Protein backbone atom coordinates (compact mmCIF):
# COMPACT_ATOMS: atom_id res chain seq x y z
CA MET A 1 79.56 71.61 103.16
CA LYS A 2 78.15 75.36 103.98
CA THR A 3 81.42 76.72 105.03
CA THR A 4 82.29 75.81 100.91
CA THR A 5 79.46 76.58 99.41
CA THR A 6 79.53 80.33 101.57
CA GLY A 7 83.61 80.27 100.52
CA THR A 8 82.89 80.34 97.30
CA ARG A 9 80.63 82.46 96.66
CA GLU A 10 82.00 84.92 98.98
CA ARG A 11 85.59 83.97 96.67
CA ILE A 12 83.14 84.84 93.31
CA VAL A 13 82.20 87.90 94.76
CA ARG A 14 84.97 89.44 95.79
CA ALA A 15 87.17 88.14 92.38
CA THR A 16 84.32 90.38 90.83
CA SER A 17 84.92 93.54 92.75
CA ARG A 18 88.16 93.82 92.16
CA LEU A 19 88.21 93.28 88.60
CA LEU A 20 85.47 95.41 88.37
CA GLN A 21 86.90 97.78 89.65
CA ARG A 22 90.09 97.87 87.67
CA GLN A 23 89.24 96.90 84.80
CA GLY A 24 85.14 98.04 84.46
CA TYR A 25 82.30 95.73 83.53
CA GLU A 26 82.95 95.65 80.16
CA GLY A 27 86.56 94.85 79.87
CA THR A 28 85.53 91.80 83.10
CA GLY A 29 84.41 88.42 81.92
CA ILE A 30 82.47 85.33 83.53
CA LYS A 31 85.52 83.06 82.84
CA GLN A 32 88.44 85.41 83.94
CA ILE A 33 85.98 85.85 87.15
CA SER A 34 86.20 82.62 87.32
CA ARG A 35 89.97 81.82 87.03
CA GLU A 36 90.48 84.68 89.39
CA ALA A 37 87.77 83.06 92.10
CA GLU A 38 89.45 80.07 92.08
CA ALA A 39 85.66 78.46 91.35
CA THR A 40 84.05 76.84 88.14
CA LEU A 41 81.99 78.20 85.84
CA GLY A 42 79.40 76.05 86.96
CA SER A 43 79.72 77.27 90.49
CA VAL A 44 79.89 81.24 88.95
CA TYR A 45 76.21 80.45 87.67
CA HIS A 46 75.00 78.58 90.53
CA PHE A 47 75.20 81.15 92.56
CA PHE A 48 74.58 84.08 89.96
CA PRO A 49 71.94 82.40 87.89
CA GLY A 50 71.31 85.65 86.43
CA GLY A 51 74.96 86.00 84.94
CA LYS A 52 77.02 88.63 84.65
CA GLN A 53 74.63 91.66 85.75
CA GLU A 54 73.44 89.49 88.83
CA LEU A 55 76.95 88.47 90.14
CA ALA A 56 77.94 92.71 88.73
CA ALA A 57 75.43 93.89 91.11
CA GLU A 58 76.45 91.64 94.06
CA ALA A 59 79.69 93.03 93.66
CA ILE A 60 78.58 96.66 93.93
CA ARG A 61 77.26 95.53 96.91
CA HIS A 62 80.39 94.61 98.34
CA GLY A 63 82.47 97.26 96.90
CA ASP A 64 79.84 99.39 98.92
CA GLN A 65 80.53 97.50 102.34
CA GLU A 66 84.17 98.21 101.89
CA PHE A 67 84.24 101.85 101.31
CA ALA A 68 81.67 101.83 103.90
CA GLY A 69 83.87 100.70 105.90
CA LEU A 70 86.80 102.88 105.53
CA LEU A 71 84.66 105.87 105.26
CA ARG A 72 83.68 105.03 108.91
CA GLU A 73 86.95 104.05 110.00
CA GLY A 74 88.09 107.72 108.68
CA LEU A 75 85.32 109.43 110.64
CA GLY A 76 85.66 107.29 113.70
CA ALA A 77 89.03 109.03 113.84
CA SER A 78 88.13 112.27 115.54
CA PRO A 79 84.80 113.50 117.26
CA ASP A 80 85.45 116.84 115.12
CA PRO A 81 83.88 116.08 111.67
CA ALA A 82 85.89 118.22 109.41
CA GLU A 83 89.02 116.18 111.43
CA ALA A 84 87.52 113.25 110.64
CA ILE A 85 87.15 114.17 106.88
CA THR A 86 90.80 114.12 106.76
CA ALA A 87 91.22 111.44 107.97
CA CYS A 88 88.89 109.84 105.42
CA THR A 89 91.06 111.25 102.75
CA ARG A 90 94.47 110.32 104.65
CA LEU A 91 93.04 106.81 104.32
CA LEU A 92 91.49 107.10 101.22
CA ALA A 93 95.32 108.14 99.54
CA GLU A 94 96.92 105.26 101.44
CA ALA A 95 94.80 102.37 100.00
CA LEU A 96 95.30 103.96 96.93
CA ARG A 97 98.99 104.14 97.22
CA ALA A 98 99.01 101.02 98.60
CA SER A 99 97.17 99.25 95.42
CA GLU A 100 99.70 101.04 93.25
CA TRP A 101 97.18 103.01 92.47
CA GLN A 102 94.63 100.20 90.55
CA ASP A 103 92.26 100.54 93.23
CA GLY A 104 90.18 103.37 93.01
CA CYS A 105 86.32 103.83 94.31
CA PRO A 106 85.10 100.14 93.82
CA ILE A 107 81.99 101.14 91.88
CA THR A 108 82.70 103.75 89.19
CA SER A 109 84.01 102.16 86.41
CA THR A 110 81.09 99.90 86.24
CA ALA A 111 78.26 102.83 87.14
CA LEU A 112 79.39 104.72 84.01
CA GLU A 113 79.63 101.40 81.63
CA THR A 114 76.33 100.56 82.46
CA VAL A 115 74.26 103.56 83.10
CA GLY A 116 71.15 103.13 81.66
CA ARG A 117 71.59 99.45 80.23
CA ALA A 118 71.36 97.95 83.58
CA PRO A 119 68.92 98.41 85.76
CA VAL A 120 69.75 95.94 88.62
CA ILE A 121 73.36 97.31 88.49
CA GLU A 122 71.85 100.62 88.83
CA GLN A 123 69.89 99.79 91.86
CA ALA A 124 72.95 99.15 93.56
CA VAL A 125 75.18 102.05 92.29
CA VAL A 126 72.16 104.12 93.86
CA ALA A 127 72.18 102.19 96.93
CA ALA A 128 75.63 102.40 97.57
CA PHE A 129 75.83 106.18 97.11
CA ALA A 130 72.78 106.65 99.30
CA ASN A 131 74.46 104.38 102.33
CA TRP A 132 77.29 106.37 101.46
CA ARG A 133 76.04 109.49 101.78
CA ALA A 134 73.82 108.48 104.80
CA ILE A 135 77.43 107.62 107.14
CA VAL A 136 78.46 110.68 106.73
CA GLU A 137 75.48 112.39 106.94
CA GLU A 138 74.57 110.45 110.66
CA LYS A 139 78.58 111.78 111.64
CA LEU A 140 77.37 115.83 110.43
CA ARG A 141 74.27 115.59 112.25
CA ALA A 142 75.64 114.01 115.64
CA SER A 143 78.38 116.57 115.55
CA GLY A 144 74.83 119.27 115.69
CA LEU A 145 74.25 119.88 112.07
CA GLY A 146 70.82 120.20 110.90
CA ALA A 147 69.22 117.31 108.93
CA ASP A 148 68.92 119.75 105.85
CA ASP A 149 72.33 120.90 105.92
CA ALA A 150 73.78 117.70 107.17
CA ARG A 151 72.08 115.90 103.63
CA GLU A 152 73.47 118.36 101.22
CA LEU A 153 76.78 118.67 102.96
CA ALA A 154 76.97 114.75 102.95
CA ALA A 155 76.13 114.55 99.65
CA THR A 156 78.61 117.39 98.94
CA VAL A 157 81.27 115.02 100.70
CA ILE A 158 80.96 112.02 98.93
CA ASN A 159 80.62 113.60 95.42
CA THR A 160 84.09 115.54 96.11
CA LEU A 161 85.77 112.51 97.11
CA GLU A 162 84.70 110.38 94.19
CA GLY A 163 86.15 113.09 92.12
CA ALA A 164 89.43 113.08 94.32
CA GLU A 165 89.70 109.90 94.31
CA LEU A 166 89.91 109.97 90.14
CA ALA A 167 92.14 112.27 89.99
CA ALA A 168 94.57 110.91 92.29
CA GLN A 169 94.21 107.67 90.75
CA ILE A 170 94.91 109.35 87.51
CA ALA A 171 97.82 111.51 88.79
CA ARG A 172 99.18 108.90 90.84
CA SER A 173 99.76 111.28 93.67
CA GLU A 174 98.02 111.01 96.86
CA GLU A 175 97.82 115.51 96.80
CA PRO A 176 93.69 115.75 95.46
CA LEU A 177 92.97 113.58 98.47
CA HIS A 178 94.86 115.55 100.81
CA LEU A 179 93.88 118.66 99.40
CA THR A 180 90.34 118.10 99.08
CA GLY A 181 90.10 116.66 102.58
CA ARG A 182 92.35 120.12 103.57
CA HIS A 183 89.41 122.07 101.70
CA LEU A 184 86.33 119.86 102.77
CA ALA A 185 87.33 120.17 106.25
CA ARG A 186 86.91 124.10 106.10
CA LEU A 187 83.63 123.70 104.42
CA ILE A 188 82.53 121.66 107.33
CA GLY A 189 84.15 124.35 109.65
CA THR A 190 81.71 126.80 107.96
CA TYR A 191 78.62 125.21 109.36
CA ARG A 192 79.59 125.35 112.50
């Protein structure tokens, strides 16, 4: 019984995450989530009695972990943080192309549509960005950068990756991400 319950909840969260990523918060309805997750509406409300906002916040946390995994994979590709950043941009470009330019940042659309209107979602978004910055900061500190430089550079890396991913998605081209990777690598190199 517990496996089924866990499986249903996970399907609901994953379906919501993908739908929010592709359609945004306003374009995604509970009935569509239910269909995509192959779950009843009753199950959706059972697991998420707070409704769409509660579910969206959980989907943001799921997207946070997915993107964090990709960051860790890319950053783990080389002990040199400059090379590791270019590995991240390659992974992002490959994933975006593989999704036929549909699956950009897992939280951007929802974050922009709900800013100032849905505190529970906003808190999840803030936590996601903080997590991603911390992952990059940890890599930079491990390579010898001081705490302040690593923190500020990590923020620059995440902010720049977000913009490059959006530009790549709109252009349906990997080039914005590859260009960003090269320039971030140069920037990181100036700190060493």
